[in-house]
Amino acid sequence: MDRLRAARLPLHTMFVSHLKADELARLQQQFPQTRFRARIGTRLWLGDHDATEYRGAVLDVTRVAKGDRFGYRQQKAASDGFLVVVAGGTSHGVGLEAPKALHGVMPRAKGVARAGLATVNRNLSPFVWGGKQRWFAEPPHMQVSILFVPSDAPEPKVGDELVAHLRHTTTQYDRLVDR
C-alpha cells in the first residue's frame, strides 16, 4: 500500500484474496481511507475441507505371502499382507496430482524421496486403513485402486470403507451422502 501510495496510484478500492476475517479487519484498520474488497471465490468453490469426506468401499481382499506374484506386472509381494481392491480410481481423481511449488529444504527433500520411491514402484495412496495411509500395490486403475495392507494391520473386509484424502479440484465422486 505504501508503494502504491508513493506511486500516486488511486487507492479508493483494493481487491485482496486469501485473507482471514481478522487479517482483513486489521488491513482495513491500518488503511481506513481504502475500501478493501475480499475475493472469496476460491473459498466458495473449494469449500471447507472439513465439510467433506471421501471414501472408497473395499470390493475384494486377497491374502498374499512374501514373494507371491500379483498384478499386471507380476510384482512380488515384499511381505505378508493383503491386496485390497478399493472403489475409486483415476476417473475419480485418485492418483492425480498437480505440480507443487516447493520452498525450503524439507519439502524438496520429501519430493526427491517420493520420486525415488516411485522409481521402484512405491507410491503412497490417498487411502487410510488402520490409522495409516496405505501404499498402492500397483498404479491406480480407471475405476479401482489396489492397495497393499501389511499383515500387522487389521484385515479389511469386503464392504469396509477407507477414507481417502483427495483434492477437491480433481475429485469426482459416485454419490453424495448428506449426514
N, C-alpha and C. Protein backbone atom coordinates (compact mmCIF):
# COMPACT_ATOMS: atom_id res chain seq x y z
N MET A 1 0.83 -1.20 0.00
CA MET A 1 0.00 0.00 0.00
C MET A 1 0.87 1.24 0.00
N ASP A 2 1.96 1.22 0.78
CA ASP A 2 2.84 2.38 0.84
C ASP A 2 3.49 2.65 -0.52
N ARG A 3 3.88 1.60 -1.20
CA ARG A 3 4.49 1.76 -2.53
C ARG A 3 3.47 2.29 -3.54
N LEU A 4 2.26 1.78 -3.46
CA LEU A 4 1.23 2.26 -4.38
C LEU A 4 0.91 3.73 -4.12
N ARG A 5 0.82 4.09 -2.84
CA ARG A 5 0.56 5.48 -2.48
C ARG A 5 1.71 6.37 -2.98
N ALA A 6 2.97 5.91 -2.80
CA ALA A 6 4.14 6.67 -3.25
C ALA A 6 4.14 6.84 -4.76
N ALA A 7 3.57 5.87 -5.47
CA ALA A 7 3.49 5.96 -6.93
C ALA A 7 2.28 6.77 -7.38
N ARG A 8 1.54 7.32 -6.40
CA ARG A 8 0.36 8.16 -6.65
C ARG A 8 -0.75 7.43 -7.42
N LEU A 9 -0.89 6.15 -7.14
CA LEU A 9 -1.97 5.37 -7.75
C LEU A 9 -3.23 5.53 -6.90
N PRO A 10 -4.40 5.49 -7.53
CA PRO A 10 -5.64 5.62 -6.76
C PRO A 10 -5.82 4.41 -5.84
N LEU A 11 -6.13 4.69 -4.60
CA LEU A 11 -6.28 3.62 -3.61
C LEU A 11 -7.66 3.63 -2.98
N HIS A 12 -8.66 4.00 -3.77
CA HIS A 12 -10.02 4.05 -3.23
C HIS A 12 -10.52 2.66 -2.89
N THR A 13 -10.30 1.70 -3.81
CA THR A 13 -10.75 0.33 -3.62
C THR A 13 -9.62 -0.61 -4.00
N MET A 14 -9.37 -1.59 -3.14
CA MET A 14 -8.34 -2.60 -3.40
C MET A 14 -8.98 -3.97 -3.25
N PHE A 15 -8.69 -4.84 -4.19
CA PHE A 15 -9.18 -6.22 -4.11
C PHE A 15 -8.08 -7.09 -3.52
N VAL A 16 -8.44 -7.87 -2.53
CA VAL A 16 -7.48 -8.74 -1.85
C VAL A 16 -8.03 -10.17 -1.82
N SER A 17 -7.14 -11.14 -1.65
CA SER A 17 -7.60 -12.53 -1.55
C SER A 17 -6.74 -13.27 -0.54
N HIS A 18 -7.22 -14.44 -0.16
CA HIS A 18 -6.53 -15.33 0.75
C HIS A 18 -6.27 -14.71 2.12
N LEU A 19 -7.19 -13.86 2.56
CA LEU A 19 -7.08 -13.26 3.89
C LEU A 19 -8.19 -13.80 4.78
N LYS A 20 -7.84 -14.04 6.03
CA LYS A 20 -8.85 -14.43 7.02
C LYS A 20 -9.56 -13.16 7.46
N ALA A 21 -10.71 -13.32 8.10
CA ALA A 21 -11.52 -12.18 8.52
C ALA A 21 -10.74 -11.21 9.40
N ASP A 22 -9.96 -11.76 10.35
CA ASP A 22 -9.21 -10.87 11.24
C ASP A 22 -8.09 -10.14 10.48
N GLU A 23 -7.50 -10.77 9.49
CA GLU A 23 -6.46 -10.11 8.69
C GLU A 23 -7.06 -8.98 7.84
N LEU A 24 -8.24 -9.23 7.29
CA LEU A 24 -8.92 -8.20 6.51
C LEU A 24 -9.29 -7.01 7.41
N ALA A 25 -9.78 -7.28 8.61
CA ALA A 25 -10.14 -6.21 9.55
C ALA A 25 -8.90 -5.39 9.94
N ARG A 26 -7.78 -6.07 10.17
CA ARG A 26 -6.54 -5.38 10.52
C ARG A 26 -6.06 -4.48 9.37
N LEU A 27 -6.18 -4.98 8.14
CA LEU A 27 -5.80 -4.19 6.97
C LEU A 27 -6.69 -2.96 6.84
N GLN A 28 -7.98 -3.13 7.03
CA GLN A 28 -8.92 -2.01 6.95
C GLN A 28 -8.64 -0.97 8.03
N GLN A 29 -8.26 -1.44 9.19
CA GLN A 29 -7.93 -0.53 10.29
C GLN A 29 -6.64 0.24 10.00
N GLN A 30 -5.69 -0.46 9.37
CA GLN A 30 -4.39 0.17 9.06
C GLN A 30 -4.51 1.21 7.95
N PHE A 31 -5.44 0.98 7.02
CA PHE A 31 -5.62 1.90 5.89
C PHE A 31 -7.10 2.26 5.77
N PRO A 32 -7.63 3.11 6.67
CA PRO A 32 -9.07 3.41 6.72
C PRO A 32 -9.58 4.16 5.49
N GLN A 33 -8.69 4.84 4.75
CA GLN A 33 -9.14 5.60 3.58
C GLN A 33 -9.40 4.71 2.37
N THR A 34 -9.05 3.42 2.45
CA THR A 34 -9.21 2.50 1.32
C THR A 34 -10.28 1.47 1.64
N ARG A 35 -11.11 1.21 0.65
CA ARG A 35 -12.13 0.16 0.80
C ARG A 35 -11.51 -1.14 0.29
N PHE A 36 -11.44 -2.15 1.13
CA PHE A 36 -10.87 -3.44 0.73
C PHE A 36 -12.01 -4.41 0.42
N ARG A 37 -11.93 -5.02 -0.74
CA ARG A 37 -12.93 -5.99 -1.19
C ARG A 37 -12.26 -7.35 -1.25
N ALA A 38 -12.78 -8.26 -0.48
CA ALA A 38 -12.19 -9.60 -0.42
C ALA A 38 -12.73 -10.48 -1.54
N ARG A 39 -11.80 -11.08 -2.26
CA ARG A 39 -12.15 -12.10 -3.25
C ARG A 39 -12.30 -13.41 -2.49
N ILE A 40 -13.49 -13.98 -2.52
CA ILE A 40 -13.73 -15.20 -1.74
C ILE A 40 -14.10 -16.37 -2.64
N GLY A 41 -13.92 -16.23 -3.92
CA GLY A 41 -14.29 -17.29 -4.86
C GLY A 41 -13.64 -18.62 -4.58
N THR A 42 -12.34 -18.61 -4.30
CA THR A 42 -11.64 -19.87 -4.05
C THR A 42 -12.26 -20.59 -2.87
N ARG A 43 -12.51 -19.88 -1.81
CA ARG A 43 -13.11 -20.50 -0.63
C ARG A 43 -14.52 -21.02 -0.95
N LEU A 44 -15.25 -20.31 -1.81
CA LEU A 44 -16.60 -20.75 -2.16
C LEU A 44 -16.59 -22.01 -3.02
N TRP A 45 -15.74 -22.05 -4.03
CA TRP A 45 -15.81 -23.21 -4.92
C TRP A 45 -15.03 -24.39 -4.41
N LEU A 46 -14.03 -24.19 -3.56
CA LEU A 46 -13.34 -25.32 -2.97
C LEU A 46 -14.03 -25.80 -1.71
N GLY A 47 -14.63 -24.91 -1.01
CA GLY A 47 -15.36 -25.28 0.19
C GLY A 47 -14.46 -25.58 1.36
N ASP A 48 -15.08 -25.95 2.44
CA ASP A 48 -14.40 -26.27 3.69
C ASP A 48 -13.96 -27.73 3.63
N HIS A 49 -12.67 -27.99 3.77
CA HIS A 49 -12.16 -29.36 3.70
C HIS A 49 -12.76 -30.26 4.78
N ASP A 50 -13.14 -29.68 5.89
CA ASP A 50 -13.75 -30.49 6.96
C ASP A 50 -15.21 -30.83 6.66
N ALA A 51 -15.78 -30.22 5.63
CA ALA A 51 -17.20 -30.46 5.32
C ALA A 51 -17.40 -31.70 4.46
N THR A 52 -16.33 -32.22 3.89
CA THR A 52 -16.46 -33.41 3.04
C THR A 52 -15.49 -34.49 3.50
N GLU A 53 -15.87 -35.71 3.23
CA GLU A 53 -15.01 -36.86 3.49
C GLU A 53 -15.20 -37.83 2.34
N TYR A 54 -14.13 -38.12 1.65
CA TYR A 54 -14.19 -39.06 0.54
C TYR A 54 -13.89 -40.45 1.05
N ARG A 55 -14.61 -41.44 0.51
CA ARG A 55 -14.43 -42.82 0.95
C ARG A 55 -14.48 -43.75 -0.26
N GLY A 56 -13.78 -44.85 -0.13
CA GLY A 56 -13.82 -45.91 -1.13
C GLY A 56 -14.17 -47.21 -0.45
N ALA A 57 -15.10 -47.97 -1.02
CA ALA A 57 -15.53 -49.24 -0.45
C ALA A 57 -14.58 -50.35 -0.85
N VAL A 58 -14.31 -51.26 0.08
CA VAL A 58 -13.49 -52.43 -0.21
C VAL A 58 -14.33 -53.39 -1.04
N LEU A 59 -13.83 -53.75 -2.21
CA LEU A 59 -14.54 -54.64 -3.13
C LEU A 59 -14.03 -56.07 -3.07
N ASP A 60 -12.73 -56.22 -2.71
CA ASP A 60 -12.15 -57.56 -2.66
C ASP A 60 -10.89 -57.51 -1.80
N VAL A 61 -10.61 -58.61 -1.11
CA VAL A 61 -9.40 -58.73 -0.30
C VAL A 61 -8.78 -60.09 -0.61
N THR A 62 -7.49 -60.09 -0.92
CA THR A 62 -6.76 -61.33 -1.19
C THR A 62 -5.52 -61.36 -0.31
N ARG A 63 -5.37 -62.43 0.45
CA ARG A 63 -4.18 -62.59 1.29
C ARG A 63 -3.00 -62.97 0.39
N VAL A 64 -1.84 -62.35 0.65
CA VAL A 64 -0.61 -62.69 -0.08
C VAL A 64 0.50 -62.95 0.92
N ALA A 65 1.43 -63.81 0.51
CA ALA A 65 2.62 -64.08 1.32
C ALA A 65 3.81 -63.44 0.64
N LYS A 66 4.83 -63.17 1.44
CA LYS A 66 6.05 -62.58 0.90
C LYS A 66 6.53 -63.41 -0.30
N GLY A 67 6.79 -62.72 -1.40
CA GLY A 67 7.28 -63.38 -2.61
C GLY A 67 6.19 -63.77 -3.60
N ASP A 68 4.91 -63.78 -3.15
CA ASP A 68 3.81 -64.08 -4.10
C ASP A 68 3.79 -63.04 -5.20
N ARG A 69 3.49 -63.45 -6.40
CA ARG A 69 3.40 -62.53 -7.54
C ARG A 69 1.95 -62.09 -7.70
N PHE A 70 1.77 -60.83 -8.12
CA PHE A 70 0.42 -60.29 -8.29
C PHE A 70 0.42 -59.21 -9.36
N GLY A 71 -0.78 -58.91 -9.85
CA GLY A 71 -0.99 -57.76 -10.74
C GLY A 71 -0.53 -57.98 -12.17
N TYR A 72 -0.71 -56.92 -12.97
CA TYR A 72 -0.37 -56.96 -14.39
C TYR A 72 1.11 -57.21 -14.62
N ARG A 73 1.93 -56.65 -13.78
CA ARG A 73 3.37 -56.76 -13.98
C ARG A 73 4.00 -57.88 -13.17
N GLN A 74 3.16 -58.65 -12.50
CA GLN A 74 3.61 -59.79 -11.70
C GLN A 74 4.73 -59.43 -10.73
N GLN A 75 4.52 -58.32 -10.01
CA GLN A 75 5.45 -57.91 -8.97
C GLN A 75 5.39 -58.91 -7.82
N LYS A 76 6.44 -58.95 -7.02
CA LYS A 76 6.47 -59.82 -5.85
C LYS A 76 6.06 -59.03 -4.61
N ALA A 77 5.25 -59.66 -3.77
CA ALA A 77 4.88 -59.04 -2.50
C ALA A 77 6.12 -58.94 -1.63
N ALA A 78 6.36 -57.75 -1.07
CA ALA A 78 7.55 -57.51 -0.24
C ALA A 78 7.43 -58.17 1.12
N SER A 79 6.19 -58.43 1.56
CA SER A 79 5.97 -59.07 2.86
C SER A 79 4.57 -59.68 2.86
N ASP A 80 4.24 -60.38 3.92
CA ASP A 80 2.89 -60.93 4.06
C ASP A 80 1.91 -59.78 4.21
N GLY A 81 0.72 -59.98 3.68
CA GLY A 81 -0.31 -58.95 3.83
C GLY A 81 -1.53 -59.24 3.00
N PHE A 82 -2.19 -58.17 2.59
CA PHE A 82 -3.44 -58.27 1.84
C PHE A 82 -3.41 -57.34 0.64
N LEU A 83 -3.89 -57.82 -0.49
CA LEU A 83 -4.16 -56.96 -1.63
C LEU A 83 -5.62 -56.55 -1.50
N VAL A 84 -5.86 -55.25 -1.46
CA VAL A 84 -7.21 -54.74 -1.21
C VAL A 84 -7.66 -53.93 -2.42
N VAL A 85 -8.73 -54.38 -3.06
CA VAL A 85 -9.31 -53.65 -4.18
C VAL A 85 -10.34 -52.69 -3.61
N VAL A 86 -10.11 -51.39 -3.88
CA VAL A 86 -10.96 -50.33 -3.32
C VAL A 86 -11.62 -49.56 -4.46
N ALA A 87 -12.91 -49.27 -4.31
CA ALA A 87 -13.61 -48.44 -5.29
C ALA A 87 -12.98 -47.05 -5.29
N GLY A 88 -12.65 -46.55 -6.47
CA GLY A 88 -12.03 -45.24 -6.61
C GLY A 88 -10.74 -45.37 -7.37
N GLY A 89 -10.73 -44.83 -8.57
CA GLY A 89 -9.54 -44.89 -9.41
C GLY A 89 -9.26 -43.54 -10.05
N THR A 90 -8.51 -43.57 -11.13
CA THR A 90 -8.11 -42.32 -11.76
C THR A 90 -9.31 -41.52 -12.26
N SER A 91 -10.38 -42.19 -12.65
CA SER A 91 -11.56 -41.45 -13.11
C SER A 91 -12.22 -40.68 -11.98
N HIS A 92 -11.89 -41.03 -10.74
CA HIS A 92 -12.43 -40.33 -9.57
C HIS A 92 -11.45 -39.29 -9.03
N GLY A 93 -10.25 -39.26 -9.59
CA GLY A 93 -9.25 -38.31 -9.12
C GLY A 93 -8.18 -38.95 -8.26
N VAL A 94 -8.25 -40.27 -8.06
CA VAL A 94 -7.25 -40.98 -7.25
C VAL A 94 -5.95 -41.08 -8.05
N GLY A 95 -4.87 -40.68 -7.43
CA GLY A 95 -3.57 -40.76 -8.08
C GLY A 95 -3.22 -39.56 -8.93
N LEU A 96 -4.14 -38.61 -9.05
CA LEU A 96 -3.87 -37.41 -9.83
C LEU A 96 -3.27 -36.36 -8.90
N GLU A 97 -2.24 -35.70 -9.38
CA GLU A 97 -1.57 -34.72 -8.53
C GLU A 97 -1.14 -33.54 -9.39
N ALA A 98 -1.41 -32.37 -8.90
CA ALA A 98 -0.98 -31.15 -9.60
C ALA A 98 0.45 -30.83 -9.18
N PRO A 99 1.20 -30.18 -10.05
CA PRO A 99 2.55 -29.77 -9.67
C PRO A 99 2.51 -28.84 -8.47
N LYS A 100 3.53 -28.94 -7.63
CA LYS A 100 3.59 -28.11 -6.44
C LYS A 100 4.84 -27.24 -6.50
N ALA A 101 4.71 -26.02 -6.02
CA ALA A 101 5.87 -25.15 -5.87
C ALA A 101 6.49 -25.50 -4.52
N LEU A 102 7.72 -25.99 -4.54
CA LEU A 102 8.38 -26.40 -3.30
C LEU A 102 9.32 -25.31 -2.82
N HIS A 103 9.17 -24.94 -1.57
CA HIS A 103 10.02 -23.91 -0.96
C HIS A 103 10.66 -24.50 0.28
N GLY A 104 11.95 -24.40 0.39
CA GLY A 104 12.66 -24.88 1.57
C GLY A 104 13.27 -26.26 1.36
N VAL A 105 14.16 -26.62 2.25
CA VAL A 105 14.92 -27.86 2.13
C VAL A 105 14.04 -29.08 2.36
N MET A 106 13.23 -29.07 3.43
CA MET A 106 12.43 -30.25 3.77
C MET A 106 11.42 -30.62 2.69
N PRO A 107 10.61 -29.69 2.17
CA PRO A 107 9.68 -30.06 1.11
C PRO A 107 10.40 -30.62 -0.13
N ARG A 108 11.55 -30.04 -0.44
CA ARG A 108 12.31 -30.54 -1.59
C ARG A 108 12.86 -31.94 -1.32
N ALA A 109 13.34 -32.16 -0.12
CA ALA A 109 13.86 -33.49 0.24
C ALA A 109 12.74 -34.54 0.17
N LYS A 110 11.55 -34.16 0.66
CA LYS A 110 10.42 -35.08 0.60
C LYS A 110 10.03 -35.37 -0.85
N GLY A 111 10.08 -34.36 -1.70
CA GLY A 111 9.79 -34.54 -3.12
C GLY A 111 10.77 -35.49 -3.79
N VAL A 112 12.06 -35.34 -3.47
CA VAL A 112 13.09 -36.23 -4.01
C VAL A 112 12.86 -37.66 -3.50
N ALA A 113 12.52 -37.80 -2.22
CA ALA A 113 12.25 -39.12 -1.65
C ALA A 113 11.05 -39.78 -2.33
N ARG A 114 9.96 -39.01 -2.55
CA ARG A 114 8.78 -39.56 -3.23
C ARG A 114 9.14 -40.01 -4.64
N ALA A 115 9.91 -39.20 -5.34
CA ALA A 115 10.31 -39.55 -6.71
C ALA A 115 11.17 -40.82 -6.70
N GLY A 116 12.07 -40.92 -5.72
CA GLY A 116 12.91 -42.11 -5.61
C GLY A 116 12.08 -43.36 -5.36
N LEU A 117 11.11 -43.26 -4.46
CA LEU A 117 10.23 -44.39 -4.18
C LEU A 117 9.40 -44.76 -5.41
N ALA A 118 8.96 -43.77 -6.16
CA ALA A 118 8.15 -44.03 -7.36
C ALA A 118 8.95 -44.81 -8.40
N THR A 119 10.26 -44.58 -8.47
CA THR A 119 11.07 -45.30 -9.46
C THR A 119 11.15 -46.79 -9.15
N VAL A 120 10.88 -47.18 -7.90
CA VAL A 120 10.84 -48.60 -7.55
C VAL A 120 9.39 -49.03 -7.26
N ASN A 121 8.45 -48.35 -7.90
CA ASN A 121 7.02 -48.67 -7.83
C ASN A 121 6.45 -48.61 -6.42
N ARG A 122 6.90 -47.68 -5.63
CA ARG A 122 6.35 -47.45 -4.30
C ARG A 122 5.69 -46.08 -4.29
N ASN A 123 4.37 -46.08 -4.34
CA ASN A 123 3.60 -44.82 -4.36
C ASN A 123 2.57 -44.89 -3.25
N LEU A 124 2.55 -43.85 -2.44
CA LEU A 124 1.59 -43.78 -1.34
C LEU A 124 0.22 -43.43 -1.90
N SER A 125 -0.78 -44.20 -1.50
CA SER A 125 -2.15 -43.95 -1.95
C SER A 125 -2.78 -42.89 -1.06
N PRO A 126 -3.93 -42.35 -1.45
CA PRO A 126 -4.63 -41.42 -0.57
C PRO A 126 -5.53 -42.13 0.45
N PHE A 127 -5.58 -43.47 0.39
CA PHE A 127 -6.48 -44.24 1.25
C PHE A 127 -5.85 -44.54 2.60
N VAL A 128 -6.67 -44.46 3.65
CA VAL A 128 -6.23 -44.71 5.02
C VAL A 128 -6.94 -45.94 5.55
N TRP A 129 -6.14 -46.85 6.14
CA TRP A 129 -6.71 -48.02 6.79
C TRP A 129 -5.90 -48.30 8.05
N GLY A 130 -6.58 -48.57 9.16
CA GLY A 130 -5.88 -48.83 10.40
C GLY A 130 -5.07 -47.64 10.88
N GLY A 131 -5.54 -46.43 10.56
CA GLY A 131 -4.88 -45.22 11.01
C GLY A 131 -3.66 -44.80 10.20
N LYS A 132 -3.36 -45.51 9.09
CA LYS A 132 -2.20 -45.17 8.27
C LYS A 132 -2.57 -45.08 6.80
N GLN A 133 -1.90 -44.18 6.13
CA GLN A 133 -2.05 -44.08 4.68
C GLN A 133 -1.37 -45.31 4.08
N ARG A 134 -2.02 -45.97 3.15
CA ARG A 134 -1.52 -47.24 2.61
C ARG A 134 -0.90 -47.06 1.22
N TRP A 135 -0.01 -47.97 0.87
CA TRP A 135 0.70 -47.92 -0.40
C TRP A 135 -0.15 -48.56 -1.50
N PHE A 136 -0.04 -48.00 -2.71
CA PHE A 136 -0.62 -48.67 -3.87
C PHE A 136 0.17 -49.96 -4.09
N ALA A 137 -0.53 -51.06 -4.40
CA ALA A 137 0.15 -52.29 -4.80
C ALA A 137 0.61 -52.14 -6.25
N GLU A 138 -0.15 -51.40 -7.03
CA GLU A 138 0.20 -51.05 -8.41
C GLU A 138 -0.51 -49.74 -8.73
N PRO A 139 -0.14 -49.09 -9.82
CA PRO A 139 -0.76 -47.80 -10.12
C PRO A 139 -2.29 -47.92 -10.16
N PRO A 140 -3.00 -46.87 -9.76
CA PRO A 140 -4.47 -46.94 -9.74
C PRO A 140 -5.02 -47.18 -11.14
N HIS A 141 -6.10 -47.91 -11.19
CA HIS A 141 -6.79 -48.19 -12.44
C HIS A 141 -7.88 -47.13 -12.65
N MET A 142 -8.62 -47.27 -13.70
CA MET A 142 -9.65 -46.30 -14.05
C MET A 142 -10.73 -46.17 -12.95
N GLN A 143 -11.25 -47.31 -12.47
CA GLN A 143 -12.36 -47.29 -11.52
C GLN A 143 -11.99 -47.76 -10.12
N VAL A 144 -10.86 -48.46 -9.98
CA VAL A 144 -10.47 -49.02 -8.68
C VAL A 144 -9.00 -48.77 -8.42
N SER A 145 -8.64 -48.95 -7.16
CA SER A 145 -7.24 -48.92 -6.74
C SER A 145 -6.95 -50.21 -6.00
N ILE A 146 -5.73 -50.72 -6.18
CA ILE A 146 -5.32 -51.92 -5.47
C ILE A 146 -4.23 -51.51 -4.49
N LEU A 147 -4.49 -51.75 -3.22
CA LEU A 147 -3.59 -51.33 -2.15
C LEU A 147 -2.93 -52.55 -1.53
N PHE A 148 -1.78 -52.32 -0.92
CA PHE A 148 -1.15 -53.36 -0.12
C PHE A 148 -1.31 -52.97 1.34
N VAL A 149 -1.91 -53.86 2.11
CA VAL A 149 -2.07 -53.66 3.55
C VAL A 149 -1.25 -54.76 4.22
N PRO A 150 -0.25 -54.38 5.02
CA PRO A 150 0.60 -55.40 5.65
C PRO A 150 -0.17 -56.23 6.68
N SER A 151 0.36 -57.42 6.95
CA SER A 151 -0.35 -58.36 7.84
C SER A 151 -0.44 -57.87 9.29
N ASP A 152 0.37 -56.88 9.68
CA ASP A 152 0.28 -56.38 11.06
C ASP A 152 -0.86 -55.38 11.24
N ALA A 153 -1.54 -55.03 10.15
CA ALA A 153 -2.71 -54.14 10.22
C ALA A 153 -3.98 -55.00 10.28
N PRO A 154 -5.08 -54.43 10.76
CA PRO A 154 -6.34 -55.19 10.75
C PRO A 154 -6.70 -55.59 9.32
N GLU A 155 -7.23 -56.79 9.17
CA GLU A 155 -7.61 -57.26 7.83
C GLU A 155 -8.88 -56.55 7.37
N PRO A 156 -8.83 -55.86 6.22
CA PRO A 156 -10.05 -55.24 5.70
C PRO A 156 -11.03 -56.31 5.24
N LYS A 157 -12.29 -56.02 5.32
CA LYS A 157 -13.34 -56.92 4.87
C LYS A 157 -14.11 -56.25 3.72
N VAL A 158 -14.65 -57.06 2.83
CA VAL A 158 -15.47 -56.52 1.75
C VAL A 158 -16.61 -55.71 2.35
N GLY A 159 -16.80 -54.50 1.85
CA GLY A 159 -17.83 -53.60 2.37
C GLY A 159 -17.29 -52.54 3.30
N ASP A 160 -16.11 -52.78 3.91
CA ASP A 160 -15.50 -51.74 4.73
C ASP A 160 -15.24 -50.52 3.85
N GLU A 161 -15.18 -49.35 4.47
CA GLU A 161 -14.88 -48.12 3.72
C GLU A 161 -13.58 -47.52 4.23
N LEU A 162 -12.74 -47.09 3.28
CA LEU A 162 -11.49 -46.44 3.60
C LEU A 162 -11.62 -44.96 3.28
N VAL A 163 -11.23 -44.11 4.21
CA VAL A 163 -11.21 -42.67 3.96
C VAL A 163 -10.10 -42.38 2.97
N ALA A 164 -10.35 -41.48 2.03
CA ALA A 164 -9.35 -41.08 1.05
C ALA A 164 -9.13 -39.57 1.13
N HIS A 165 -7.88 -39.17 1.20
CA HIS A 165 -7.54 -37.74 1.22
C HIS A 165 -7.29 -37.30 -0.22
N LEU A 166 -8.29 -36.62 -0.79
CA LEU A 166 -8.24 -36.22 -2.20
C LEU A 166 -8.39 -34.72 -2.35
N ARG A 167 -7.88 -34.21 -3.47
CA ARG A 167 -8.01 -32.78 -3.77
C ARG A 167 -9.43 -32.48 -4.23
N HIS A 168 -10.00 -31.40 -3.73
CA HIS A 168 -11.35 -31.00 -4.17
C HIS A 168 -11.39 -30.70 -5.67
N THR A 169 -10.29 -30.21 -6.21
CA THR A 169 -10.30 -29.76 -7.61
C THR A 169 -10.25 -30.89 -8.61
N THR A 170 -9.85 -32.10 -8.20
CA THR A 170 -9.75 -33.20 -9.16
C THR A 170 -10.67 -34.37 -8.83
N THR A 171 -11.38 -34.31 -7.73
CA THR A 171 -12.19 -35.44 -7.28
C THR A 171 -13.55 -35.47 -7.97
N GLN A 172 -13.90 -36.67 -8.43
CA GLN A 172 -15.22 -36.95 -8.99
C GLN A 172 -15.81 -38.09 -8.15
N TYR A 173 -16.91 -37.86 -7.49
CA TYR A 173 -17.48 -38.89 -6.63
C TYR A 173 -18.68 -39.54 -7.30
N ASP A 174 -18.97 -40.78 -6.90
CA ASP A 174 -20.09 -41.55 -7.45
C ASP A 174 -21.41 -41.19 -6.79
N ARG A 175 -21.36 -40.86 -5.50
CA ARG A 175 -22.59 -40.50 -4.80
C ARG A 175 -22.24 -39.55 -3.68
N LEU A 176 -23.24 -38.79 -3.28
CA LEU A 176 -23.09 -37.82 -2.20
C LEU A 176 -24.04 -38.22 -1.08
N VAL A 177 -23.49 -38.37 0.12
CA VAL A 177 -24.30 -38.75 1.27
C VAL A 177 -24.31 -37.55 2.21
N ASP A 178 -25.52 -37.06 2.51
CA ASP A 178 -25.69 -35.92 3.41
C ASP A 178 -25.93 -36.46 4.80
N ARG A 179 -25.11 -36.06 5.74
CA ARG A 179 -25.27 -36.56 7.13
C ARG A 179 -25.58 -35.44 8.06
